[in-house]
N, C-alpha and C. Protein backbone atom coordinates (compact mmCIF):
# COMPACT_ATOMS: atom_id res chain seq x y z
N UNK A 1 73.78 48.74 -98.04
CA UNK A 1 75.03 49.26 -97.36
C UNK A 1 75.99 48.21 -96.31
N UNK A 2 76.94 48.40 -97.14
CA UNK A 2 78.43 47.78 -96.53
C UNK A 2 78.30 47.31 -95.02
N UNK A 3 78.70 46.44 -94.27
CA UNK A 3 79.01 46.21 -93.11
C UNK A 3 79.64 46.90 -92.71
N UNK A 4 79.99 48.07 -91.59
CA UNK A 4 80.57 48.46 -90.51
C UNK A 4 80.89 48.03 -89.35
N UNK A 5 81.91 46.84 -89.44
CA UNK A 5 81.65 46.17 -87.83
C UNK A 5 82.26 46.89 -87.18
N UNK A 6 83.19 47.77 -87.16
CA UNK A 6 84.18 48.70 -86.17
C UNK A 6 82.65 49.66 -85.40
N UNK A 7 81.65 50.03 -86.59
CA UNK A 7 81.14 50.72 -85.91
C UNK A 7 79.71 50.09 -85.12
N UNK A 8 79.47 49.01 -85.49
CA UNK A 8 78.40 48.29 -84.95
C UNK A 8 77.35 48.70 -83.50
N UNK A 9 78.41 49.42 -83.16
CA UNK A 9 77.02 49.62 -81.38
C UNK A 9 76.61 51.93 -82.02
N UNK A 10 77.45 51.97 -83.00
CA UNK A 10 76.62 53.04 -83.43
C UNK A 10 75.27 53.55 -84.07
N UNK A 11 74.42 54.38 -83.88
CA UNK A 11 73.23 54.51 -84.58
C UNK A 11 73.27 54.79 -85.69
N UNK A 12 72.20 54.11 -86.40
CA UNK A 12 71.62 54.30 -87.83
C UNK A 12 72.02 55.59 -88.84
N UNK A 13 72.05 56.67 -87.86
CA UNK A 13 72.19 57.83 -88.83
C UNK A 13 73.08 58.02 -88.29
N UNK A 14 74.46 57.75 -87.95
CA UNK A 14 75.96 57.77 -87.81
C UNK A 14 77.18 56.68 -89.17
N UNK A 15 76.74 55.62 -88.56
CA UNK A 15 76.55 54.49 -89.84
C UNK A 15 76.30 54.73 -91.16
N UNK A 16 75.30 55.96 -91.41
CA UNK A 16 74.40 55.52 -92.60
C UNK A 16 75.40 56.80 -93.04
N UNK A 17 75.87 57.47 -92.48
CA UNK A 17 76.65 58.85 -92.61
C UNK A 17 78.08 58.28 -93.18
N UNK A 18 78.79 57.80 -92.44
CA UNK A 18 80.37 57.21 -92.74
C UNK A 18 80.02 56.15 -93.67
N UNK A 19 78.70 55.35 -94.12
CA UNK A 19 79.07 54.60 -95.16
C UNK A 19 78.71 55.44 -96.54
N UNK A 20 77.96 56.87 -96.71
CA UNK A 20 78.47 57.71 -97.87
C UNK A 20 79.47 57.98 -97.50
N UNK A 21 80.21 58.33 -97.15
CA UNK A 21 81.89 58.86 -97.22
C UNK A 21 82.53 57.76 -97.34
N UNK A 22 82.46 55.95 -97.27
CA UNK A 22 83.37 55.41 -97.73
C UNK A 22 82.82 55.10 -99.12
N UNK A 23 81.11 55.73 -99.82
CA UNK A 23 80.77 55.01 -100.78
C UNK A 23 81.38 55.90 -101.74
N UNK A 24 81.40 57.09 -101.11
CA UNK A 24 82.04 58.22 -102.27
C UNK A 24 83.61 58.38 -101.91
N UNK A 25 84.54 57.37 -101.04
CA UNK A 25 85.62 57.34 -101.56
C UNK A 25 86.56 58.82 -100.58
N UNK A 26 85.60 58.94 -99.68
CA UNK A 26 86.00 60.50 -99.10
C UNK A 26 86.45 60.08 -97.17
N UNK A 27 86.14 58.95 -96.98
CA UNK A 27 86.40 58.67 -95.55
C UNK A 27 87.96 58.75 -94.99
N UNK A 28 88.90 58.22 -95.90
CA UNK A 28 90.45 58.59 -95.92
C UNK A 28 90.75 60.31 -95.70
N UNK A 29 90.06 61.42 -96.58
CA UNK A 29 90.45 62.32 -96.86
C UNK A 29 89.56 63.40 -95.36
N UNK A 30 88.96 62.86 -95.36
CA UNK A 30 87.84 63.74 -93.77
C UNK A 30 89.16 63.35 -93.01
N UNK A 31 89.94 61.82 -92.61
CA UNK A 31 90.52 61.76 -91.47
C UNK A 31 91.87 62.83 -91.82
N UNK A 32 92.52 62.70 -92.84
CA UNK A 32 93.38 63.15 -92.76
C UNK A 32 93.29 65.03 -92.67
N UNK A 33 92.33 65.45 -93.21
CA UNK A 33 92.20 66.89 -92.76
C UNK A 33 91.97 67.43 -91.71
N UNK A 34 91.49 66.01 -90.75
CA UNK A 34 91.59 66.35 -88.70
C UNK A 34 92.56 65.73 -88.32
N UNK A 35 93.63 64.65 -89.20
CA UNK A 35 94.45 63.91 -88.60
C UNK A 35 95.80 64.55 -89.39
N UNK A 36 95.85 65.26 -90.13
CA UNK A 36 96.87 65.25 -91.00
C UNK A 36 98.43 64.18 -90.93
N UNK A 37 98.95 64.05 -89.40
CA UNK A 37 100.13 63.97 -89.64
C UNK A 37 100.50 62.25 -88.78
N UNK A 38 101.31 61.26 -88.93
CA UNK A 38 101.64 60.52 -88.24
C UNK A 38 102.39 60.79 -87.87
N UNK A 39 102.64 59.79 -86.35
CA UNK A 39 103.94 59.65 -85.33
C UNK A 39 105.38 59.64 -85.81
N UNK A 40 105.90 59.68 -85.18
CA UNK A 40 107.56 59.11 -85.49
C UNK A 40 107.76 58.10 -84.24
N UNK A 41 106.57 57.88 -83.42
CA UNK A 41 107.37 56.60 -82.30
C UNK A 41 106.99 55.28 -82.51
N UNK A 42 107.98 55.08 -83.67
CA UNK A 42 108.57 53.63 -84.34
C UNK A 42 109.02 52.35 -83.67
N UNK A 43 109.50 52.44 -82.84
CA UNK A 43 110.55 51.48 -82.13
C UNK A 43 109.99 50.94 -81.08
N UNK A 44 110.02 49.95 -80.64
CA UNK A 44 109.19 49.81 -79.29
C UNK A 44 109.98 50.19 -77.66
N UNK A 45 111.43 50.99 -78.20
CA UNK A 45 111.91 51.55 -76.79
C UNK A 45 111.08 52.93 -77.18
N UNK A 46 110.83 53.21 -78.20
CA UNK A 46 109.81 54.62 -78.44
C UNK A 46 108.79 54.55 -77.74
N UNK A 47 108.25 53.43 -77.89
CA UNK A 47 107.07 53.31 -77.54
C UNK A 47 106.27 53.17 -76.08
N UNK A 48 107.42 52.29 -75.65
CA UNK A 48 107.61 52.03 -73.74
C UNK A 48 107.74 53.70 -73.23
N UNK A 49 108.73 54.60 -73.48
CA UNK A 49 109.36 55.78 -73.31
C UNK A 49 107.66 56.42 -73.40
N UNK A 50 107.11 56.90 -74.24
CA UNK A 50 105.56 56.89 -74.40
C UNK A 50 105.01 56.88 -73.62
N UNK A 51 104.47 55.57 -73.64
CA UNK A 51 103.81 55.01 -72.57
C UNK A 51 104.15 55.37 -71.20
N UNK A 52 105.54 54.93 -70.73
CA UNK A 52 105.91 55.03 -69.50
C UNK A 52 105.35 57.16 -69.07
N UNK A 53 105.47 57.39 -70.09
CA UNK A 53 105.55 59.03 -69.80
C UNK A 53 104.18 59.44 -69.18
N UNK A 54 103.37 58.77 -70.16
CA UNK A 54 101.56 59.12 -69.64
C UNK A 54 101.34 58.41 -68.17
N UNK A 55 101.65 57.07 -68.27
CA UNK A 55 101.66 56.62 -67.47
C UNK A 55 102.39 57.40 -65.85
N UNK A 56 103.50 57.95 -66.08
CA UNK A 56 103.91 58.72 -64.75
C UNK A 56 103.41 59.80 -64.14
N UNK A 57 102.24 60.33 -65.37
CA UNK A 57 101.78 61.64 -65.22
C UNK A 57 100.51 61.27 -64.32
N UNK A 58 100.11 60.03 -64.94
CA UNK A 58 98.40 60.17 -64.21
C UNK A 58 98.52 58.79 -63.40
N UNK A 59 99.35 57.94 -63.75
CA UNK A 59 98.80 56.66 -62.62
C UNK A 59 100.29 56.05 -61.58
N UNK A 60 100.71 57.23 -61.14
CA UNK A 60 102.15 57.12 -60.72
C UNK A 60 102.25 55.82 -60.00
N UNK A 61 101.51 55.40 -58.88
CA UNK A 61 100.92 54.87 -57.99
C UNK A 61 101.10 52.93 -58.27
N UNK A 62 100.36 53.11 -60.09
CA UNK A 62 100.46 51.88 -60.21
C UNK A 62 101.75 50.56 -59.87
N UNK A 63 101.78 49.60 -60.36
CA UNK A 63 103.14 48.91 -60.79
C UNK A 63 103.62 49.02 -62.06
N UNK A 64 105.13 49.19 -61.73
CA UNK A 64 105.59 50.07 -63.54
C UNK A 64 105.29 48.57 -64.41
N UNK A 65 105.68 49.22 -65.71
CA UNK A 65 105.58 48.55 -66.34
C UNK A 65 106.61 47.74 -66.97
N UNK A 66 106.41 46.15 -67.02
CA UNK A 66 107.68 45.19 -67.65
C UNK A 66 107.99 45.58 -69.24
N UNK A 67 106.98 45.25 -69.88
CA UNK A 67 107.16 45.99 -71.27
C UNK A 67 106.35 46.40 -71.87
N UNK A 68 106.46 47.56 -72.89
CA UNK A 68 105.48 47.83 -73.93
C UNK A 68 106.44 47.69 -75.38
N UNK A 69 105.14 46.78 -76.40
CA UNK A 69 105.92 46.78 -77.20
C UNK A 69 104.61 46.97 -79.25
N UNK A 70 105.25 47.11 -79.78
CA UNK A 70 103.94 47.10 -80.97
C UNK A 70 103.73 45.52 -81.32
N UNK A 71 103.00 44.63 -81.50
CA UNK A 71 102.90 43.81 -81.87
C UNK A 71 101.98 43.31 -83.36
N UNK A 72 102.71 42.26 -84.61
CA UNK A 72 101.95 42.54 -85.31
C UNK A 72 101.31 41.20 -85.47
N UNK A 73 101.43 40.37 -84.46
CA UNK A 73 100.27 39.35 -84.15
C UNK A 73 98.56 39.73 -83.74
N UNK A 74 98.40 40.78 -83.29
CA UNK A 74 97.24 41.56 -82.72
C UNK A 74 96.32 41.40 -84.02
N UNK A 75 95.35 41.12 -84.50
CA UNK A 75 94.53 41.19 -85.10
C UNK A 75 93.77 42.05 -84.98
N UNK A 76 93.39 43.68 -85.70
CA UNK A 76 92.71 44.48 -85.00
C UNK A 76 90.88 43.77 -85.83
N UNK A 77 91.36 42.43 -86.12
CA UNK A 77 89.64 42.30 -86.92
C UNK A 77 89.19 41.47 -86.06
N UNK A 78 89.96 40.85 -84.60
CA UNK A 78 89.43 40.04 -83.61
C UNK A 78 88.53 41.13 -82.29
N UNK A 79 88.86 42.55 -82.97
CA UNK A 79 88.69 43.48 -81.61
C UNK A 79 89.46 43.60 -80.29
N UNK A 80 91.05 43.29 -81.30
CA UNK A 80 91.82 43.55 -80.33
C UNK A 80 92.97 44.79 -80.76
N UNK A 81 92.95 45.60 -80.61
CA UNK A 81 93.67 46.92 -80.54
C UNK A 81 95.58 47.05 -80.16
N UNK A 82 94.92 46.31 -78.69
CA UNK A 82 96.33 46.38 -78.08
C UNK A 82 96.07 45.17 -76.71
N UNK A 83 97.03 44.91 -76.17
CA UNK A 83 96.48 44.11 -74.87
C UNK A 83 97.26 44.25 -74.03
N UNK A 84 97.04 43.96 -73.13
CA UNK A 84 97.59 44.04 -71.74
C UNK A 84 97.55 42.84 -70.46
N UNK A 85 98.65 42.53 -70.02
CA UNK A 85 98.74 41.37 -69.65
C UNK A 85 99.05 41.01 -67.77
N UNK A 86 99.11 41.04 -67.18
CA UNK A 86 98.85 40.80 -65.42
C UNK A 86 100.27 39.06 -65.75
N UNK A 87 101.56 39.20 -65.27
CA UNK A 87 101.56 38.17 -64.87
C UNK A 87 102.14 37.57 -63.67
N UNK A 88 101.63 36.83 -62.64
CA UNK A 88 102.84 36.37 -61.44
C UNK A 88 103.38 35.41 -61.92
N UNK A 89 104.64 35.44 -61.22
CA UNK A 89 105.37 34.44 -61.04
C UNK A 89 106.05 34.37 -59.64
N UNK A 90 106.37 33.10 -59.57
CA UNK A 90 107.61 32.95 -57.79
C UNK A 90 108.67 33.47 -58.46
N UNK A 91 109.38 34.18 -57.67
CA UNK A 91 110.68 33.85 -57.91
C UNK A 91 111.48 34.23 -56.27
N UNK A 92 112.28 32.93 -55.89
CA UNK A 92 113.71 33.25 -54.77
C UNK A 92 111.88 32.94 -53.89
N UNK A 93 111.07 32.49 -53.51
CA UNK A 93 109.74 32.53 -52.21
C UNK A 93 109.09 33.82 -52.55
N UNK A 94 109.36 34.53 -53.83
CA UNK A 94 108.69 36.42 -53.59
C UNK A 94 107.40 36.19 -55.09
N UNK A 95 106.70 36.42 -54.69
CA UNK A 95 105.48 36.79 -55.71
C UNK A 95 105.93 37.81 -57.15
N UNK A 96 106.35 37.94 -57.79
CA UNK A 96 106.65 38.76 -58.72
C UNK A 96 105.72 39.23 -59.97
N UNK A 97 104.91 40.50 -59.58
CA UNK A 97 103.74 41.00 -61.19
C UNK A 97 105.02 41.09 -62.18
N UNK A 98 104.18 41.34 -63.16
CA UNK A 98 104.84 42.23 -64.55
C UNK A 98 103.78 42.04 -64.96
N UNK A 99 103.96 43.71 -65.56
CA UNK A 99 102.91 44.03 -66.44
C UNK A 99 103.25 44.77 -68.20
N UNK A 100 102.52 43.92 -68.78
CA UNK A 100 102.91 44.04 -70.57
C UNK A 100 101.80 44.63 -70.77
N UNK A 101 102.42 45.60 -71.86
CA UNK A 101 101.30 46.35 -72.88
C UNK A 101 101.39 45.88 -74.20
N UNK A 102 100.88 45.35 -74.94
CA UNK A 102 101.25 45.47 -76.62
C UNK A 102 100.33 45.98 -77.70
N UNK A 103 100.56 46.57 -78.45
CA UNK A 103 100.02 47.42 -79.29
C UNK A 103 99.61 46.91 -80.63
N UNK A 104 98.88 47.02 -81.47
CA UNK A 104 98.61 45.93 -82.71
C UNK A 104 99.51 47.39 -83.90
N UNK A 105 99.96 46.39 -84.34
CA UNK A 105 102.06 47.26 -85.11
C UNK A 105 100.71 48.41 -86.21
N UNK A 106 99.80 47.77 -86.88
CA UNK A 106 98.91 48.91 -87.14
C UNK A 106 99.14 50.06 -87.11
N UNK A 107 98.60 50.65 -85.30
CA UNK A 107 99.16 51.89 -85.08
C UNK A 107 100.89 52.45 -85.20
N UNK A 108 101.52 51.68 -85.92
CA UNK A 108 103.09 52.46 -85.70
C UNK A 108 103.15 53.88 -87.24
N UNK A 109 101.59 53.51 -88.14
CA UNK A 109 101.26 54.43 -88.95
C UNK A 109 100.33 55.37 -88.86
N UNK A 110 99.98 55.38 -87.73
CA UNK A 110 98.25 56.41 -87.27
C UNK A 110 98.94 57.36 -86.83
N UNK A 111 97.49 58.39 -87.07
CA UNK A 111 98.04 59.94 -85.90
C UNK A 111 98.21 59.51 -84.56
N UNK A 112 99.41 59.92 -84.28
CA UNK A 112 99.80 60.39 -82.28
C UNK A 112 98.49 60.54 -81.70
N UNK A 113 97.11 60.71 -81.86
CA UNK A 113 96.19 61.22 -81.30
C UNK A 113 95.46 59.65 -81.36
N UNK A 114 95.75 58.74 -82.09
CA UNK A 114 95.28 57.08 -82.13
C UNK A 114 96.05 56.45 -81.10
N UNK A 115 97.07 56.39 -81.39
CA UNK A 115 98.53 55.50 -80.63
C UNK A 115 97.56 56.19 -78.96
N UNK A 116 97.73 57.32 -78.34
CA UNK A 116 97.77 57.82 -77.53
C UNK A 116 96.17 56.97 -76.94
N UNK A 117 95.82 57.16 -77.57
CA UNK A 117 94.21 56.82 -77.08
C UNK A 117 94.13 54.98 -76.54
N UNK A 118 94.70 54.03 -77.26
CA UNK A 118 95.07 53.03 -77.17
C UNK A 118 96.15 52.73 -76.61
N UNK A 119 96.70 53.78 -75.87
CA UNK A 119 98.04 53.31 -75.00
C UNK A 119 97.33 53.77 -73.42
N UNK A 120 96.48 54.77 -73.55
CA UNK A 120 95.63 54.76 -72.55
C UNK A 120 94.08 54.07 -72.17
N UNK A 121 94.07 53.60 -72.92
CA UNK A 121 92.82 52.40 -72.82
C UNK A 121 93.58 51.44 -72.28
N UNK A 122 94.97 50.86 -72.61
CA UNK A 122 95.31 49.89 -72.19
C UNK A 122 95.59 50.06 -70.52
N UNK A 123 96.72 51.24 -70.32
CA UNK A 123 97.07 51.79 -69.08
C UNK A 123 95.98 51.64 -68.26
N UNK A 124 94.76 52.08 -68.47
CA UNK A 124 93.76 52.07 -67.58
C UNK A 124 92.99 50.64 -67.31
N UNK A 125 93.48 49.15 -67.78
CA UNK A 125 93.10 48.13 -67.50
C UNK A 125 94.23 47.79 -66.32
N UNK A 126 95.12 48.84 -65.80
CA UNK A 126 96.19 48.77 -65.06
C UNK A 126 94.96 48.79 -63.46
N UNK A 127 94.00 49.72 -63.69
CA UNK A 127 93.27 49.51 -62.36
C UNK A 127 92.31 49.66 -62.33
N UNK A 128 91.62 49.27 -63.65
CA UNK A 128 89.84 48.57 -64.00
C UNK A 128 90.05 47.76 -64.92
N UNK A 129 89.93 46.40 -64.72
CA UNK A 129 90.00 45.25 -65.87
C UNK A 129 88.82 45.26 -66.11
N UNK A 130 87.90 45.45 -65.97
CA UNK A 130 86.78 45.29 -66.69
C UNK A 130 86.09 46.76 -67.92
N UNK A 131 85.69 46.99 -68.93
CA UNK A 131 85.32 48.02 -69.44
C UNK A 131 83.87 48.96 -68.73
N UNK A 132 83.89 49.20 -67.69
CA UNK A 132 82.86 50.07 -66.70
C UNK A 132 82.78 51.14 -66.65
N UNK A 133 82.22 52.07 -66.19
CA UNK A 133 82.01 53.09 -65.58
C UNK A 133 83.33 54.06 -66.01
N UNK A 134 83.38 53.39 -64.63
CA UNK A 134 84.94 53.71 -63.83
C UNK A 134 86.43 53.43 -64.76
N UNK A 135 86.35 52.26 -65.55
CA UNK A 135 87.06 52.39 -66.60
C UNK A 135 87.15 53.71 -67.32
N UNK A 136 85.80 53.50 -67.94
CA UNK A 136 86.20 54.82 -68.69
C UNK A 136 86.33 56.53 -69.08
N UNK A 137 85.74 56.74 -66.70
CA UNK A 137 86.42 58.24 -66.37
C UNK A 137 87.68 58.01 -66.47
N UNK A 138 88.46 57.05 -66.36
CA UNK A 138 89.68 56.96 -66.08
C UNK A 138 90.84 57.34 -67.17
N UNK A 139 89.84 56.65 -68.28
CA UNK A 139 90.48 56.62 -69.66
C UNK A 139 90.18 58.66 -69.84
N UNK A 140 89.11 59.03 -69.62
CA UNK A 140 88.73 60.34 -69.56
C UNK A 140 89.67 61.69 -69.27
N UNK A 141 90.38 60.81 -68.37
CA UNK A 141 90.30 61.45 -67.34
C UNK A 141 92.36 61.70 -68.08
N UNK A 142 93.17 60.66 -68.31
CA UNK A 142 94.12 60.32 -69.10
C UNK A 142 94.14 61.55 -70.23
N UNK A 143 92.77 61.23 -70.74
CA UNK A 143 92.99 61.59 -72.13
C UNK A 143 91.39 62.64 -72.60
N UNK A 144 91.16 63.59 -72.27
CA UNK A 144 89.55 64.07 -71.62
C UNK A 144 89.09 63.99 -73.46
N UNK A 145 89.71 63.96 -74.63
CA UNK A 145 88.97 63.78 -75.73
C UNK A 145 88.83 62.25 -76.16
N UNK A 146 89.05 61.22 -75.31
CA UNK A 146 88.87 60.08 -74.96
C UNK A 146 88.06 59.44 -76.10
N UNK A 147 86.63 59.74 -75.86
CA UNK A 147 85.58 59.10 -76.65
C UNK A 147 85.66 59.47 -77.91
N UNK A 148 85.74 60.64 -78.06
CA UNK A 148 85.77 61.31 -79.62
C UNK A 148 86.74 60.57 -80.67
N UNK A 149 88.01 60.35 -79.59
CA UNK A 149 89.19 59.44 -80.33
C UNK A 149 88.89 57.92 -80.42
N UNK A 150 88.34 57.84 -79.93
CA UNK A 150 87.77 56.06 -79.87
C UNK A 150 86.93 56.45 -80.78
N UNK A 151 85.47 56.87 -81.55
CA UNK A 151 85.66 56.76 -82.54
C UNK A 151 86.38 57.13 -83.99
N UNK A 152 86.90 58.33 -83.64
CA UNK A 152 87.89 58.38 -84.90
C UNK A 152 88.63 57.28 -85.43
N UNK A 153 89.31 56.49 -84.46
CA UNK A 153 90.06 55.51 -84.32
C UNK A 153 89.20 54.31 -85.29
N UNK A 154 88.09 54.34 -84.69
CA UNK A 154 87.36 52.81 -85.56
C UNK A 154 86.90 53.67 -87.28
N UNK A 155 87.04 54.97 -87.01
CA UNK A 155 86.84 55.13 -88.21
C UNK A 155 87.92 54.89 -89.49
N UNK A 156 89.29 55.29 -88.61
CA UNK A 156 90.27 55.04 -89.09
C UNK A 156 90.37 53.48 -89.80
N UNK A 157 90.35 52.32 -88.52
CA UNK A 157 90.52 51.52 -89.09
C UNK A 157 89.10 50.89 -89.92
N UNK A 158 88.13 51.50 -89.83
CA UNK A 158 86.94 51.46 -91.38
C UNK A 158 87.67 51.27 -92.50
N UNK A 159 88.43 52.67 -92.60
CA UNK A 159 89.46 53.04 -93.89
C UNK A 159 89.96 52.45 -94.41
N UNK A 160 91.00 51.83 -93.57
CA UNK A 160 91.86 51.00 -93.41
C UNK A 160 91.81 49.86 -94.28
N UNK A 161 90.52 49.09 -93.39
CA UNK A 161 90.15 48.15 -93.94
C UNK A 161 89.42 47.78 -95.28
N UNK A 162 89.25 49.47 -95.86
CA UNK A 162 88.52 49.34 -97.10
C UNK A 162 89.07 50.03 -98.46
N UNK A 163 90.13 50.80 -97.84
CA UNK A 163 91.51 51.11 -98.95
C UNK A 163 92.71 50.21 -98.97
N UNK A 164 93.16 49.59 -97.94
CA UNK A 164 94.08 48.41 -98.13
C UNK A 164 95.39 49.26 -97.80
N UNK A 165 95.80 51.09 -97.32
CA UNK A 165 96.20 51.45 -96.73
C UNK A 165 96.13 52.91 -95.57
N UNK A 166 96.79 53.39 -94.90
CA UNK A 166 96.09 54.49 -93.62
C UNK A 166 95.41 55.42 -94.14
N UNK A 167 95.83 55.97 -95.02
CA UNK A 167 95.94 57.46 -95.75
C UNK A 167 95.90 57.45 -97.07
N UNK A 168 94.70 58.25 -97.96
CA UNK A 168 94.97 58.35 -99.67
C UNK A 168 95.84 58.56 -99.65
N UNK A 169 96.27 58.26 -101.28
CA UNK A 169 97.78 58.21 -101.74
C UNK A 169 97.88 60.26 -102.57
């Protein structure tokens, strides 16, 4: 069976089923059936607006975001789909904090649900730095289907790696 690195923590039963879909060249079709459309959030400004809308709905009390952008340098192979950074700088005797979120550019051509899952994940890091129970509870508060979307995003990345394109032609 082919190694399914994005599904490393899942049961043998699940990985066997995914491997079967890959072998039959049907994983892309299954994803298209469940998520037929990609989103229209193509620019960094549109991504910033999308992210701030979610942040303002669920996390108003957190500090503002300085920047949200697609980043072509993030490699999903290195287990990073997005990054969040928190930088403190001294400016004029005051400590200024900046929060930045960067999303892997592969999500420009992904379904909106996958982009939202990544954004929710990175926003949750504003309050919870570690991937602990509180972190995942916050993710599910902002996106109730977070767990399923995380799994489906892993399927999407598996398909992308094996087929070379987000969706079948």
